[in-house]
Protein backbone atom coordinates (compact mmCIF):
# COMPACT_ATOMS: atom_id res chain seq x y z
CA MET A 1 -0.12 0.03 -0.40
CA LEU A 2 2.75 2.34 0.99
CA ASN A 3 4.64 1.55 -2.21
CA SER A 4 1.54 2.69 -4.68
CA ILE A 5 0.90 6.08 -2.62
CA LEU A 6 4.78 7.00 -3.21
CA HIS A 7 4.47 5.82 -6.67
CA PHE A 8 1.35 7.80 -7.18
CA ILE A 9 3.31 10.98 -5.65
CA GLU A 10 6.26 10.45 -7.54
CA ASN A 11 4.75 9.41 -11.30
CA ASP A 12 1.31 10.19 -11.45
CA ILE A 13 1.03 13.48 -9.77
CA LYS A 14 3.84 15.40 -12.01
CA GLU A 15 1.65 13.85 -15.29
CA ILE A 16 -1.05 15.38 -13.81
CA GLU A 17 0.35 18.66 -13.07
CA ASN A 18 1.89 18.46 -16.82
CA LEU A 19 -1.70 17.70 -17.76
CA VAL A 20 -3.11 21.44 -16.15
CA ALA A 21 -0.11 23.05 -17.71
CA ALA A 22 -1.55 21.98 -21.18
CA MET A 23 -4.68 22.74 -20.66
CA LEU A 24 -3.81 26.27 -19.23
CA LYS A 25 -2.18 26.73 -22.46
CA GLY A 26 -5.44 25.82 -24.39
CA GLU A 27 -3.23 22.55 -25.91
CA LYS A 28 -5.98 20.21 -23.79
CA GLU A 29 -9.34 20.75 -22.73
CA PRO A 30 -10.43 20.62 -19.13
CA HIS A 31 -12.48 16.93 -20.21
CA ASP A 32 -8.94 15.84 -20.55
CA LEU A 33 -7.71 16.58 -17.22
CA SER A 34 -10.89 14.82 -15.53
CA GLN A 35 -10.43 11.50 -17.79
CA ASP A 36 -6.70 11.44 -17.11
CA ILE A 37 -6.78 11.82 -13.29
CA HIS A 38 -9.89 9.20 -13.28
CA ASP A 39 -7.97 6.58 -14.41
CA ARG A 40 -5.29 7.44 -12.82
CA MET A 41 -6.90 6.74 -9.81
CA LEU A 42 -8.30 3.93 -10.76
CA GLY A 43 -4.93 2.68 -11.33
CA LEU A 44 -4.31 3.44 -7.94
CA GLY A 45 -6.91 2.00 -6.72
CA ALA A 46 -5.70 -1.50 -8.75
CA ARG A 47 -2.36 -1.19 -7.15
CA LEU A 48 -3.43 -0.85 -3.05
CA ILE A 49 -5.95 -3.93 -4.22
CA ALA A 50 -2.39 -5.90 -5.67
CA GLU A 51 -0.40 -4.56 -2.83
CA LEU A 52 -2.37 -5.37 -0.16
CA TYR A 53 -3.23 -8.95 -1.49
CA GLU A 54 1.07 -9.31 -1.57
CA LYS A 55 1.32 -8.38 1.95
CA ILE A 56 -1.42 -10.84 2.99
CA ASP A 57 0.33 -13.33 1.07
CA ASP A 58 4.17 -12.67 2.81
CA GLU A 59 1.96 -13.08 6.09
CA ILE A 60 0.72 -16.28 5.34
CA ARG A 61 4.06 -17.27 4.03
CA GLU A 62 5.64 -16.40 7.64
CA SER A 63 3.22 -17.88 9.38
CA LEU A 64 3.81 -20.70 11.96
CA ILE A 65 1.16 -22.40 11.52
CA ARG A 66 1.67 -22.41 7.83
CA LYS A 67 4.96 -23.56 8.33
CA LYS A 68 3.95 -26.83 10.33
CA LYS A 69 0.94 -27.70 8.17
CA TRP A 70 2.27 -26.35 4.68
CA ASN A 71 5.87 -26.61 2.18
CA ILE A 72 6.56 -23.83 -0.20
CA GLU A 73 6.18 -25.41 -3.91
CA GLN A 74 6.18 -22.28 -6.08
CA ARG A 75 7.00 -18.09 -5.28
CA ASN A 76 5.18 -15.45 -6.98
CA GLU A 77 3.13 -17.42 -8.85
CA PRO A 78 0.93 -14.49 -11.08
CA LYS A 79 -2.76 -13.90 -11.18
CA GLU A 80 -4.95 -11.50 -12.50
CA LEU A 81 -8.66 -10.50 -11.10
CA LEU A 82 -11.22 -7.73 -13.14
CA ASP A 83 -12.33 -5.67 -11.14
CA ILE A 84 -14.59 -2.13 -11.09
CA LEU A 85 -11.25 -1.07 -10.58
CA GLY A 86 -9.48 -2.61 -13.52
CA PRO A 87 -7.13 -5.46 -13.78
CA ILE A 88 -5.85 -6.59 -10.27
CA ARG A 89 -2.25 -7.75 -10.95
CA PHE A 90 -0.65 -9.79 -7.95
CA CYS A 91 1.69 -12.46 -7.07
CA ARG A 92 0.78 -15.30 -4.56
CA THR A 93 2.61 -18.42 -2.99
CA GLY A 94 1.71 -22.10 -4.30
CA TYR A 95 1.78 -24.92 -0.80
CA ARG A 96 1.70 -28.89 -0.81
CA ASP A 97 0.23 -29.95 2.32
CA LYS A 98 2.80 -32.39 4.37
CA GLU A 99 0.44 -35.20 5.04
CA THR A 100 -2.37 -35.36 1.76
CA GLY A 101 0.41 -33.54 -1.04
CA LYS A 102 -2.60 -31.84 -2.24
CA PHE A 103 -1.55 -28.07 -4.09
CA VAL A 104 -3.15 -25.00 -2.38
CA TYR A 105 -3.35 -21.65 -2.57
CA LEU A 106 -3.07 -20.46 0.41
CA LEU A 107 -4.23 -16.18 -0.32
CA ASP A 108 -6.87 -17.96 -2.53
CA LYS A 109 -8.92 -19.92 -0.48
CA ILE A 110 -8.46 -16.84 2.71
CA LEU A 111 -10.20 -14.30 0.25
CA GLY A 112 -12.53 -16.71 -0.99
CA ILE A 113 -11.05 -16.46 -4.82
CA GLU A 114 -12.51 -19.55 -6.63
CA GLY A 115 -9.78 -22.40 -8.56
CA HIS A 116 -10.92 -20.69 -12.48
CA GLN A 117 -12.08 -17.03 -11.01
CA ARG A 118 -11.33 -14.88 -13.11
CA ILE A 119 -13.84 -11.44 -12.70
CA THR A 120 -14.16 -10.34 -8.83
CA LEU A 121 -17.97 -10.52 -8.16
CA GLY A 122 -18.22 -6.91 -8.00
CA ALA A 123 -16.93 -6.39 -11.64
CA ALA A 124 -19.35 -9.42 -12.35
CA ALA A 125 -22.39 -7.95 -11.17
CA CYS A 126 -21.40 -4.57 -12.96
CA ILE A 127 -21.24 -6.61 -15.67
CA LEU A 128 -24.95 -8.36 -15.29
CA GLU A 129 -26.74 -5.28 -14.37
CA GLU A 130 -25.64 -3.73 -17.92
CA ALA A 131 -25.98 -7.18 -19.93
CA VAL A 132 -29.93 -7.58 -18.65
CA GLN A 133 -30.99 -3.69 -19.93
CA THR A 134 -29.11 -3.85 -23.16
CA SER A 135 -27.42 -6.22 -24.45
CA TYR A 136 -23.89 -8.83 -24.28
CA ALA A 137 -21.96 -6.65 -25.80
CA LYS A 138 -22.87 -3.20 -23.80
CA GLY A 139 -22.40 -5.84 -21.02
CA GLY A 140 -18.51 -5.39 -20.55
CA ARG A 141 -18.67 -0.78 -21.52
CA PRO A 142 -18.84 0.01 -17.84
CA LEU A 143 -15.56 -2.15 -17.90
CA SER A 144 -14.08 -0.99 -21.08
CA LEU A 145 -11.33 1.42 -19.59
CA MET A 146 -10.07 -1.50 -17.28
CA GLY A 147 -10.14 -4.58 -19.00
CA GLN A 148 -11.80 -6.44 -22.43
CA VAL A 149 -14.79 -8.33 -21.40
CA SER A 150 -16.00 -9.93 -24.56
CA LYS A 151 -19.51 -11.03 -25.48
CA GLN A 152 -18.87 -14.57 -24.55
CA THR A 153 -17.84 -14.18 -21.39
CA VAL A 154 -21.01 -11.77 -20.49
CA LYS A 155 -23.43 -14.60 -21.97
CA ARG A 156 -21.27 -17.43 -19.81
CA LEU A 157 -22.24 -14.86 -17.25
CA VAL A 158 -25.75 -15.11 -17.95
CA HIS A 159 -26.04 -18.68 -18.02
CA ASP A 160 -24.08 -19.81 -15.32
CA THR A 161 -26.49 -17.31 -13.02
CA GLU A 162 -29.52 -18.72 -11.64
CA ALA A 163 -32.46 -16.02 -10.05
CA GLN A 164 -32.81 -17.89 -7.15
CA LEU A 165 -32.15 -16.27 -3.61
CA PRO A 166 -34.25 -16.58 -0.66
CA VAL A 167 -36.24 -13.76 0.65
CA ALA A 168 -36.57 -13.15 4.28
CA PRO A 169 -39.99 -13.15 5.83
CA PRO A 170 -41.89 -9.89 6.65
CA SER A 171 -41.89 -9.36 9.98
CA GLU A 172 -45.64 -8.60 9.80
CA LYS A 173 -47.85 -10.58 7.05
CA LYS A 174 -50.10 -7.89 4.83
CA ARG A 175 -53.65 -8.71 5.42
CA LEU A 176 -55.90 -8.18 2.59
CA GLU A 177 -59.54 -9.87 0.81
CA TYR A 178 -57.62 -9.71 -2.30
CA LEU A 179 -54.74 -10.27 -4.72
CA HIS A 180 -54.59 -10.08 -8.31
CA ILE A 181 -52.16 -11.76 -10.99
CA VAL A 182 -51.49 -10.85 -14.92
CA ALA A 183 -50.66 -13.69 -16.39
CA ASP A 184 -49.06 -14.11 -20.08
CA GLU A 185 -46.42 -15.57 -22.33
CA ASP A 186 -43.21 -13.91 -25.06
CA HIS A 187 -42.68 -14.93 -27.94
CA VAL A 188 -38.78 -15.22 -28.41
CA ALA A 189 -36.93 -16.06 -31.60
CA ALA A 190 -34.70 -18.67 -31.04
CA GLN A 191 -31.21 -19.03 -32.21
CA PHE A 192 -30.84 -22.97 -31.22
CA TRP A 193 -32.37 -24.97 -28.65
CA SER A 194 -29.11 -26.59 -27.27
CA GLN A 195 -26.79 -26.15 -30.15
CA LYS A 196 -26.23 -24.37 -33.43
CA GLY A 197 -28.09 -26.16 -36.56
CA ASP A 198 -30.61 -28.09 -34.11
CA LEU A 199 -33.76 -26.06 -34.90
CA GLY A 200 -36.43 -28.38 -36.71
CA LYS A 201 -38.65 -27.23 -39.49
CA ASP A 202 -42.91 -28.05 -39.10
CA SER A 203 -45.10 -29.46 -42.15
CA ARG A 204 -44.69 -26.06 -44.33
CA GLY A 205 -40.99 -25.98 -43.72
CA ASN A 206 -41.00 -23.25 -41.87
CA LYS A 207 -38.54 -23.26 -38.43
CA ILE A 208 -39.27 -24.09 -35.29
CA ASN A 209 -38.02 -21.60 -33.21
CA THR A 210 -40.18 -19.85 -30.88
CA ILE A 211 -39.33 -19.57 -27.43
CA MET A 212 -41.90 -18.49 -24.82
CA PRO A 213 -41.12 -17.66 -21.63
CA LYS A 214 -43.95 -16.63 -19.09
CA LEU A 215 -44.61 -13.97 -17.14
CA ILE A 216 -46.77 -13.38 -13.85
CA CYS A 217 -47.27 -10.09 -12.65
CA LEU A 218 -48.95 -10.27 -8.53
CA TYR A 219 -50.35 -7.14 -6.97
CA GLU A 220 -52.14 -5.97 -4.72
CA ASP A 221 -54.19 -3.33 -6.54
CA VAL A 222 -53.79 -0.32 -8.97
CA ILE A 223 -53.71 3.11 -7.84
CA ASP A 224 -54.40 6.70 -10.07
CA GLU A 225 -50.86 8.90 -9.53
CA ALA A 226 -52.59 11.72 -11.43
CA GLY A 227 -55.16 12.59 -9.06
CA GLU A 228 -59.39 11.87 -9.71
CA THR A 229 -59.35 15.08 -11.13
CA SER A 230 -57.18 14.91 -14.05
CA LYS A 231 -58.58 14.14 -17.29
CA SER A 232 -55.24 11.60 -18.11
CA PRO A 233 -54.79 9.03 -15.10
CA ARG A 234 -51.51 7.53 -14.53
CA HIS A 235 -51.82 3.89 -13.38
CA LYS A 236 -49.33 1.97 -10.81
CA LEU A 237 -49.73 -1.18 -9.36
CA THR A 238 -48.82 -1.43 -5.66
CA GLY A 239 -46.45 -4.19 -4.03
CA LYS A 240 -46.14 -5.97 -7.29
CA HIS A 241 -43.75 -8.90 -7.77
CA TYR A 242 -42.64 -11.45 -10.80
CA PHE A 243 -41.87 -14.16 -11.79
CA CYS A 244 -40.66 -15.06 -15.04
CA GLY A 245 -38.54 -18.14 -17.06
CA THR A 246 -39.74 -20.79 -19.69
CA TYR A 247 -41.01 -23.19 -17.15
CA LYS A 248 -41.94 -25.92 -19.73
CA GLY A 249 -43.83 -28.65 -19.74
CA GLN A 250 -46.70 -29.30 -17.01
CA GLU A 251 -44.18 -30.30 -14.43
CA ALA A 252 -42.22 -26.83 -14.51
CA ASN A 253 -45.61 -25.03 -15.08
CA ARG A 254 -46.43 -26.98 -11.64
CA ARG A 255 -43.03 -25.29 -9.97
CA LEU A 256 -43.85 -21.73 -11.55
CA TRP A 257 -47.58 -21.48 -8.76
CA GLU A 258 -45.97 -23.39 -6.53
CA GLU A 259 -43.09 -20.40 -6.53
CA VAL A 260 -46.23 -17.86 -6.60
CA ARG A 261 -48.16 -19.80 -4.12
CA ASP A 262 -45.09 -19.59 -1.66
CA TYR A 263 -44.78 -16.05 -2.36
CA ILE A 264 -48.21 -15.44 -1.45
CA ASP A 265 -48.21 -17.51 1.77
CA THR A 266 -45.10 -15.65 3.05
CA HIS A 267 -46.24 -12.17 2.56
CA TYR A 268 -50.00 -12.48 2.86
CA ASP A 269 -52.31 -13.62 5.83
CA THR A 270 -54.20 -16.28 4.08
CA GLU A 271 -56.79 -16.52 6.38
CA TYR A 272 -58.03 -13.76 5.70
CA LEU A 273 -57.75 -13.96 2.26
CA LYS A 274 -60.34 -14.44 -0.18
CA CYS A 275 -59.42 -14.62 -3.37
CA VAL A 276 -56.64 -14.48 -5.80
CA TYR A 277 -57.62 -13.12 -9.36
CA ILE A 278 -55.70 -14.44 -12.23
CA ALA A 279 -56.16 -12.82 -15.56
CA GLY A 280 -55.13 -13.99 -18.69
CA ASP A 281 -55.88 -15.59 -22.72
CA GLY A 282 -57.45 -18.58 -20.70
CA ALA A 283 -54.48 -20.54 -22.03
CA GLY A 284 -53.79 -24.20 -19.71
CA TRP A 285 -50.67 -23.24 -18.14
CA ILE A 286 -52.79 -20.09 -17.07
CA ARG A 287 -55.65 -21.91 -15.57
CA ALA A 288 -53.24 -24.26 -14.01
CA GLY A 289 -52.69 -21.97 -11.44
CA CYS A 290 -56.60 -21.65 -9.54
CA GLU A 291 -56.00 -24.42 -8.60
CA VAL A 292 -52.41 -24.48 -7.05
CA LEU A 293 -53.00 -21.47 -5.28
CA GLY A 294 -56.41 -22.60 -4.09
CA LYS A 295 -57.82 -19.47 -3.87
CA GLY A 296 -57.60 -18.48 -7.54
CA ARG A 297 -60.59 -17.60 -10.23
CA PHE A 298 -59.90 -17.47 -13.68
CA VAL A 299 -60.44 -13.89 -14.90
CA LEU A 300 -60.46 -13.41 -19.09
CA ASP A 301 -57.74 -10.78 -19.77
CA LYS A 302 -59.98 -7.75 -21.49
CA PHE A 303 -56.42 -7.06 -23.99
CA HIS A 304 -57.82 -11.04 -25.52
CA MET A 305 -61.19 -9.75 -25.36
CA MET A 306 -60.61 -6.69 -26.77
CA LYS A 307 -58.59 -8.32 -29.72
CA TYR A 308 -61.20 -11.29 -30.55
CA VAL A 309 -63.73 -8.38 -30.98
CA ASN A 310 -61.91 -6.53 -33.58
CA VAL A 311 -61.40 -9.91 -35.38
CA SER A 312 -64.89 -10.18 -35.61
CA VAL A 313 -66.02 -6.84 -37.40
CA SER A 314 -62.89 -6.14 -39.24
CA HIS A 315 -64.64 -7.14 -42.58
CA LEU A 316 -67.87 -5.26 -42.16
CA LEU A 317 -66.96 -1.80 -43.54
CA ASP A 318 -69.24 0.96 -42.16
CA SER A 319 -71.54 -1.23 -39.75
CA ALA A 320 -67.83 -2.57 -37.61
CA GLU A 321 -68.26 -0.57 -34.85
CA GLU A 322 -72.29 -0.89 -34.47
CA VAL A 323 -71.62 -4.63 -35.00
CA LYS A 324 -68.73 -4.44 -32.37
CA GLY A 325 -70.74 -2.64 -29.53
CA GLU A 326 -73.25 -5.22 -29.94
CA ILE A 327 -70.69 -7.64 -29.03
CA TRP A 328 -69.50 -6.09 -25.95
CA GLU A 329 -73.20 -5.47 -24.80
CA CYS A 330 -73.32 -9.37 -25.01
CA LEU A 331 -69.92 -10.33 -23.03
CA ASN A 332 -70.78 -7.25 -21.00
CA GLY A 333 -74.02 -7.84 -20.08
CA ARG A 334 -73.01 -11.67 -19.79
CA HIS A 335 -76.34 -13.01 -22.39
CA LYS A 336 -74.47 -15.68 -24.26
CA LYS A 337 -77.24 -16.87 -26.42
CA ARG A 338 -77.40 -13.21 -27.04
CA LEU A 339 -73.81 -13.62 -28.46
CA GLN A 340 -74.25 -16.57 -30.95
CA GLU A 341 -77.67 -14.78 -32.46
CA VAL A 342 -74.66 -12.08 -33.03
CA TYR A 343 -72.01 -14.01 -34.61
CA ALA A 344 -74.53 -16.05 -36.39
CA GLU A 345 -75.53 -12.63 -38.05
CA ILE A 346 -71.71 -11.82 -39.07
CA LEU A 347 -71.84 -15.46 -40.27
CA LYS A 348 -74.16 -14.88 -42.77
CA VAL A 349 -72.41 -11.64 -44.31
CA THR A 350 -69.10 -13.17 -44.65
CA GLU A 351 -67.48 -15.66 -46.97
CA GLU A 352 -66.15 -18.67 -46.57
CA GLY A 353 -62.47 -18.16 -45.63
CA ARG A 354 -60.14 -16.72 -43.88
CA LYS A 355 -62.35 -13.78 -42.54
CA TYR A 356 -64.95 -16.31 -41.28
CA THR A 357 -62.53 -18.82 -40.16
CA GLU A 358 -61.86 -15.75 -37.43
CA ALA A 359 -64.83 -14.65 -36.49
CA GLU A 360 -66.06 -18.67 -35.91
CA GLY A 361 -63.14 -18.99 -33.78
CA ALA A 362 -63.87 -15.69 -32.34
CA LEU A 363 -67.44 -17.17 -30.94
CA GLY A 364 -65.35 -20.36 -29.75
CA TYR A 365 -62.64 -18.52 -27.78
CA PHE A 366 -65.80 -16.98 -25.80
CA LEU A 367 -67.61 -19.55 -25.18
CA ASN A 368 -64.55 -21.98 -23.99
CA GLN A 369 -63.72 -18.57 -21.63
CA TRP A 370 -67.48 -18.20 -20.23
CA ASP A 371 -66.37 -19.07 -17.31
CA GLY A 372 -63.55 -15.67 -16.94
CA ILE A 373 -66.15 -13.60 -18.66
CA GLN A 374 -68.41 -13.91 -16.15
CA ILE A 375 -66.04 -12.76 -13.68
CA ARG A 376 -65.12 -9.41 -15.39
CA THR A 377 -68.51 -8.30 -13.85
CA GLU A 378 -70.57 -10.09 -11.24
CA GLU A 379 -67.29 -10.20 -8.46
CA ALA A 380 -66.77 -6.68 -6.47
CA GLY A 381 -63.31 -7.95 -5.54
CA ALA A 382 -62.19 -7.61 -9.17
CA ASN A 383 -59.98 -4.89 -10.46
CA TRP A 384 -58.97 -5.02 -14.10
CA GLU A 385 -57.42 -1.82 -14.78
CA CYS A 386 -53.75 -3.94 -15.73
CA CYS A 387 -53.23 -5.54 -19.23
CA ALA A 388 -50.71 -8.60 -19.29
CA GLU A 389 -49.44 -7.47 -22.34
CA GLY A 390 -48.27 -4.43 -21.24
CA GLN A 391 -46.08 -5.47 -18.15
CA VAL A 392 -44.71 -8.35 -20.40
CA SER A 393 -43.99 -5.94 -22.95
CA HIS A 394 -42.48 -3.94 -19.89
CA VAL A 395 -39.97 -6.87 -18.29
CA LEU A 396 -39.52 -9.30 -20.94
CA SER A 397 -40.04 -8.17 -24.65
CA ALA A 398 -38.21 -4.77 -23.88
CA ARG A 399 -34.48 -6.99 -23.60
CA LEU A 400 -35.84 -10.05 -25.05
CA SER A 401 -37.73 -9.52 -28.72
CA SER A 402 -38.12 -5.99 -29.62
CA ARG A 403 -34.55 -6.38 -31.66
CA PRO A 404 -33.97 -9.04 -33.87
CA MET A 405 -31.85 -11.52 -32.08
CA GLY A 406 -31.95 -14.89 -31.08
CA TRP A 407 -32.02 -16.99 -27.56
CA SER A 408 -30.64 -20.32 -26.81
CA GLU A 409 -33.15 -22.05 -24.39
CA GLN A 410 -30.98 -21.77 -21.41
CA GLY A 411 -29.81 -18.02 -22.42
CA CYS A 412 -33.97 -17.17 -22.39
CA ASP A 413 -34.81 -18.69 -19.30
CA ARG A 414 -31.55 -17.29 -17.38
CA MET A 415 -32.41 -13.08 -18.85
CA SER A 416 -36.16 -13.99 -18.14
CA GLY A 417 -35.40 -14.76 -14.31
CA LEU A 418 -33.15 -11.83 -14.15
CA ARG A 419 -35.08 -9.32 -15.10
CA ALA A 420 -37.57 -10.11 -13.00
CA TYR A 421 -35.55 -10.89 -10.12
CA THR A 422 -34.09 -6.98 -10.81
CA LYS A 423 -37.27 -5.57 -11.79
CA ASN A 424 -38.35 -6.81 -8.20
CA GLY A 425 -35.52 -4.81 -6.63
CA GLY A 426 -33.16 -7.63 -6.35
CA LYS A 427 -29.86 -6.54 -6.60
CA ILE A 428 -27.29 -8.77 -8.86
CA ILE A 429 -24.69 -8.37 -6.24
CA ASP A 430 -26.28 -10.24 -3.26
CA LEU A 431 -27.31 -12.87 -5.91
CA LEU A 432 -23.82 -13.72 -7.15
CA ALA A 433 -22.39 -13.93 -3.37
CA TYR A 434 -25.25 -16.45 -2.64
CA GLN A 435 -24.27 -18.42 -5.34
CA LYS A 436 -20.72 -19.10 -4.13
CA GLU A 437 -22.00 -19.64 -1.05
CA ARG A 438 -23.75 -22.54 -2.11
CA ARG A 439 -21.29 -23.78 -4.39
CA LYS A 440 -19.00 -24.08 -1.17
CA GLU A 441 -15.67 -24.24 -2.84
CA ASN A 442 -14.11 -22.24 -0.39
CA GLN A 443 -14.88 -23.99 2.89
CA LEU A 444 -11.55 -23.64 5.17
CA SER A 445 -10.09 -26.07 6.95
CA GLU A 446 -9.57 -25.88 10.56
CA GLU A 447 -5.83 -25.03 9.92
CA GLU A 448 -6.60 -22.30 7.00
CA LEU A 449 -9.32 -20.96 9.59
CA GLU A 450 -6.01 -20.18 12.27
CA VAL A 451 -4.13 -19.41 9.88
CA LYS A 452 -6.67 -16.33 8.67
CA LYS A 453 -6.81 -15.34 12.61
CA LYS A 454 -3.38 -14.72 12.84
CA VAL A 455 -3.23 -12.84 9.49
CA CYS A 456 -6.33 -10.81 10.92
CA GLU A 457 -4.04 -10.35 14.64
CA LYS A 458 -0.95 -9.18 12.17
CA GLN A 459 -2.71 -6.83 9.54
CA ALA A 460 -3.96 -5.13 12.99
CA GLY A 461 -0.42 -3.56 13.65
CA TRP A 462 0.54 -2.63 9.98
CA ARG A 463 0.20 0.98 10.87
CA TYR A 464 0.02 2.12 7.44
CA GLN A 465 -0.98 5.74 8.73
CA GLU A 466 2.28 5.83 10.95
CA ARG A 467 4.79 4.78 8.27
CA LEU A 468 3.21 7.38 5.48
CA GLN A 469 3.03 10.17 7.35
CA GLY A 470 6.92 9.72 7.76
CA ARG A 471 7.75 8.87 4.32
CA VAL A 472 5.49 10.47 2.04
CA PRO A 473 7.80 13.28 0.60
CA GLY A 474 5.68 17.06 1.61
CA LEU A 475 2.61 15.44 2.74
CA GLU A 476 2.37 18.22 5.56
CA GLN A 477 2.31 20.40 2.36
CA HIS A 478 -1.33 22.48 2.37
CA SER A 479 -1.39 21.93 -1.40
CA LEU A 480 -1.56 18.06 -0.73
CA LYS A 481 -4.40 18.60 1.85
CA TRP A 482 -6.66 16.09 -0.04
CA MET A 483 -3.89 13.31 -0.12
CA ARG A 484 -3.96 13.61 3.92
CA VAL A 485 -7.24 13.96 3.81
CA TRP A 486 -8.09 10.86 1.68
CA ILE A 487 -5.04 8.39 3.59
CA ASN A 488 -6.80 9.53 7.07
CA GLN A 489 -10.48 8.30 5.64
CA GLU A 490 -8.54 5.46 4.30
CA LEU A 491 -7.47 4.09 7.26
CA GLY A 492 -10.13 5.07 9.93
CA ALA A 493 -7.90 7.67 11.36
């Protein structure tokens, strides 16, 4: 640490002074000065960390416990980690266990550095946070000044990160009579399933390349942030929580709804809860939620109702709006028989072909979903201001399907889960730390814990502040007041 600071004072400060002179002469811009100091401070931080790591390695090497159990086999073995400060380059010592013959880098073990780790958790979190919002290519940009991160590296990080993190239960469960759910899926283009070239084709020769990640949005209520007097309502969901992933197959789909059920059981008083309304298009996987949740009741989403109503009358020209109004009266009034009569009249004036099939299919759709249509107008606890399509667009489509791109099934599943995790307010760094803990690759033995304890005792006596006060030239000068303040803050003075 001392050497890094001395190097900065003796070399970097001189270069900064030269740049200031060039700026005053008009040869450089203030931005150049800011960028130069930014880069040099990052370099100082990286050198400080490397020097501290090597100091810890020295303390380990001189430990009596180490000398008793491990022999030195490699000295000054280089290691590089990409960190948020940039590449951290340091050397450490390799040891061989005298009894078992097992080789180990004790510094790596004590610091929690895994065997093939090349990126720190902080840097990995920074990369993932960007990749979840934009693209794999941009995932490494936050570290572009400090090191190169390829798209393949970002992709591997995404594929290796599962958005599963236990959440501590609240101190008190909420007591609500009604909860609401909107459920739907996105349509994402598959680049391949497991490996390139494995996409099949249907009977017409078209590629079978659609991945359908599912989204469930649980919320408590919808409020109008604009206020009652506003002519432009601005709706907001309260108590919102997302669940996303591919969940392919009946077993996986049931697991998805069980996750929703567990979340409800953890956060809400289920004895007080009367009903959970599940709004969607009536797909089997959505209706399955009613069975798993127990108190779930399916509601047909208005977006899909509107979609089928519009399809039914799109060919009727001038009379389209009038017929559309009749259909809505039947749906809102729950007049099933009258709805069938209206569609009979539509089919009479519709030629055989695509339009006839669409109108006939719309009627069949409404009849099959009649229970979900009835609940919309019959139940007082209902709140239908939220649309599933909007949630899918906001959470999934914005990253997965709104622009031309292809995904593997695993990549789509992981990205969907990470999008939901971050939208729920989760921190990527916490997720990575939890997964690292689960791997348990760095569990320390009793001897290693004892070495770590002794290193901590040694570290308490390093007293960098006293050594810096005595060795940093000119530190007492007023112009280096910032350096004195910084050193005191870093060393806990």
